[in-house]
Amino acid sequence: MSVTVSFKVRKEVKEKMEKYKGIINWNEELRRFVELKIKELEAKERFEEIVRKLEEADWGVEEGFASRSVREDRDGCS
């Protein structure tokens, strides 16, 4: 199902659109632009949600684990 969306542009823009209407299908161009912009915004929202969840995640590795592990491996190789 489709609905109609309208918006205003400056008179000069409308005149230029009329000039090129035989070359460019403005309805299709605007429809594609809106759909692409929505996809970009949704992707940004999903990315920000993932980053937020990663920042909140409890990774279960205690403070100093990496340095202790390296030290143990180094001392164990002698």
C-alpha atoms as a PDB file:
ATOM      1  CA  MET A   1       0.000   0.000   0.000  1.00  0.00           C
ATOM      2  CA  SER A   2       1.331   3.431  -0.890  1.00  0.00           C
ATOM      3  CA  VAL A   3       0.608   6.826   0.548  1.00  0.00           C
ATOM      4  CA  THR A   4       1.335  10.275  -0.810  1.00  0.00           C
ATOM      5  CA  VAL A   5       3.982  12.473   0.771  1.00  0.00           C
ATOM      6  CA  SER A   6       4.490  16.046  -0.344  1.00  0.00           C
ATOM      7  CA  PHE A   7       6.963  18.779   0.500  1.00  0.00           C
ATOM      8  CA  LYS A   8       7.802  22.281  -0.582  1.00  0.00           C
ATOM      9  CA  VAL A   9      10.804  23.435  -2.571  1.00  0.00           C
ATOM     10  CA  ARG A  10      11.877  26.869  -3.701  1.00  0.00           C
ATOM     11  CA  LYS A  11      10.338  28.045  -6.954  1.00  0.00           C
ATOM     12  CA  GLU A  12      13.733  27.935  -8.698  1.00  0.00           C
ATOM     13  CA  VAL A  13      14.153  24.293  -7.742  1.00  0.00           C
ATOM     14  CA  LYS A  14      10.701  23.409  -9.064  1.00  0.00           C
ATOM     15  CA  GLU A  15      11.484  25.160 -12.342  1.00  0.00           C
ATOM     16  CA  LYS A  16      14.705  23.188 -12.715  1.00  0.00           C
ATOM     17  CA  MET A  17      12.887  19.960 -11.875  1.00  0.00           C
ATOM     18  CA  GLU A  18      10.369  20.744 -14.635  1.00  0.00           C
ATOM     19  CA  LYS A  19      13.226  21.385 -17.066  1.00  0.00           C
ATOM     20  CA  TYR A  20      14.693  17.913 -16.433  1.00  0.00           C
ATOM     21  CA  LYS A  21      11.510  15.915 -15.885  1.00  0.00           C
ATOM     22  CA  GLY A  22      11.954  14.140 -19.233  1.00  0.00           C
ATOM     23  CA  ILE A  23      15.387  12.949 -18.142  1.00  0.00           C
ATOM     24  CA  ILE A  24      14.844  12.258 -14.454  1.00  0.00           C
ATOM     25  CA  ASN A  25      11.939  10.471 -12.820  1.00  0.00           C
ATOM     26  CA  TRP A  26      11.743  12.723  -9.758  1.00  0.00           C
ATOM     27  CA  ASN A  27       9.236  10.504  -7.966  1.00  0.00           C
ATOM     28  CA  GLU A  28      11.571   7.515  -8.194  1.00  0.00           C
ATOM     29  CA  GLU A  29      14.658   9.552  -7.288  1.00  0.00           C
ATOM     30  CA  LEU A  30      13.012  11.028  -4.202  1.00  0.00           C
ATOM     31  CA  ARG A  31      11.531   7.680  -3.177  1.00  0.00           C
ATOM     32  CA  ARG A  32      14.982   6.039  -3.425  1.00  0.00           C
ATOM     33  CA  PHE A  33      16.614   8.865  -1.497  1.00  0.00           C
ATOM     34  CA  VAL A  34      14.101   8.615   1.365  1.00  0.00           C
ATOM     35  CA  GLU A  35      14.428   4.830   1.538  1.00  0.00           C
ATOM     36  CA  LEU A  36      18.233   5.047   1.557  1.00  0.00           C
ATOM     37  CA  LYS A  37      18.245   7.720   4.265  1.00  0.00           C
ATOM     38  CA  ILE A  38      15.942   5.572   6.430  1.00  0.00           C
ATOM     39  CA  LYS A  39      18.256   2.548   5.977  1.00  0.00           C
ATOM     40  CA  GLU A  40      21.250   4.669   6.980  1.00  0.00           C
ATOM     41  CA  LEU A  41      19.488   5.929  10.113  1.00  0.00           C
ATOM     42  CA  GLU A  42      18.355   2.431  11.077  1.00  0.00           C
ATOM     43  CA  ALA A  43      21.898   1.090  10.597  1.00  0.00           C
ATOM     44  CA  LYS A  44      23.260   3.886  12.783  1.00  0.00           C
ATOM     45  CA  GLU A  45      20.708   3.086  15.499  1.00  0.00           C
ATOM     46  CA  ARG A  46      21.605  -0.622  15.386  1.00  0.00           C
ATOM     47  CA  PHE A  47      25.324   0.171  15.541  1.00  0.00           C
ATOM     48  CA  GLU A  48      24.844   2.478  18.532  1.00  0.00           C
ATOM     49  CA  GLU A  49      22.766  -0.204  20.289  1.00  0.00           C
ATOM     50  CA  ILE A  50      25.484  -2.809  19.708  1.00  0.00           C
ATOM     51  CA  VAL A  51      28.168  -0.456  21.031  1.00  0.00           C
ATOM     52  CA  ARG A  52      26.019   0.297  24.096  1.00  0.00           C
ATOM     53  CA  LYS A  53      25.518  -3.421  24.789  1.00  0.00           C
ATOM     54  CA  LEU A  54      29.243  -4.104  24.386  1.00  0.00           C
ATOM     55  CA  GLU A  55      30.075  -1.299  26.809  1.00  0.00           C
ATOM     56  CA  GLU A  56      27.597  -2.698  29.355  1.00  0.00           C
ATOM     57  CA  ALA A  57      28.724  -6.312  28.926  1.00  0.00           C
ATOM     58  CA  ASP A  58      30.391  -8.088  31.815  1.00  0.00           C
ATOM     59  CA  TRP A  59      33.199  -9.954  30.146  1.00  0.00           C
ATOM     60  CA  GLY A  60      34.068 -11.891  33.298  1.00  0.00           C
ATOM     61  CA  VAL A  61      37.809 -11.249  33.121  1.00  0.00           C
ATOM     62  CA  GLU A  62      39.229  -9.909  36.331  1.00  0.00           C
ATOM     63  CA  GLU A  63      41.519  -6.890  36.554  1.00  0.00           C
ATOM     64  CA  GLY A  64      45.167  -7.783  35.923  1.00  0.00           C
ATOM     65  CA  PHE A  65      44.428 -11.170  34.338  1.00  0.00           C
ATOM     66  CA  ALA A  66      46.383 -10.450  31.138  1.00  0.00           C
ATOM     67  CA  SER A  67      49.535  -9.205  32.860  1.00  0.00           C
ATOM     68  CA  ARG A  68      49.478 -12.153  35.328  1.00  0.00           C
ATOM     69  CA  SER A  69      49.073 -14.619  32.466  1.00  0.00           C
ATOM     70  CA  VAL A  70      51.976 -13.130  30.535  1.00  0.00           C
ATOM     71  CA  ARG A  71      54.151 -13.143  33.661  1.00  0.00           C
ATOM     72  CA  GLU A  72      53.274 -16.788  34.406  1.00  0.00           C
ATOM     73  CA  ASP A  73      54.056 -17.835  30.832  1.00  0.00           C
ATOM     74  CA  ARG A  74      57.347 -15.950  30.829  1.00  0.00           C
ATOM     75  CA  ASP A  75      58.400 -17.313  34.226  1.00  0.00           C
ATOM     76  CA  GLY A  76      57.368 -20.843  33.250  1.00  0.00           C
ATOM     77  CA  CYS A  77      59.579 -20.873  30.129  1.00  0.00           C
ATOM     78  CA  SER A  78      62.892 -20.438  32.006  1.00  0.00           C
END
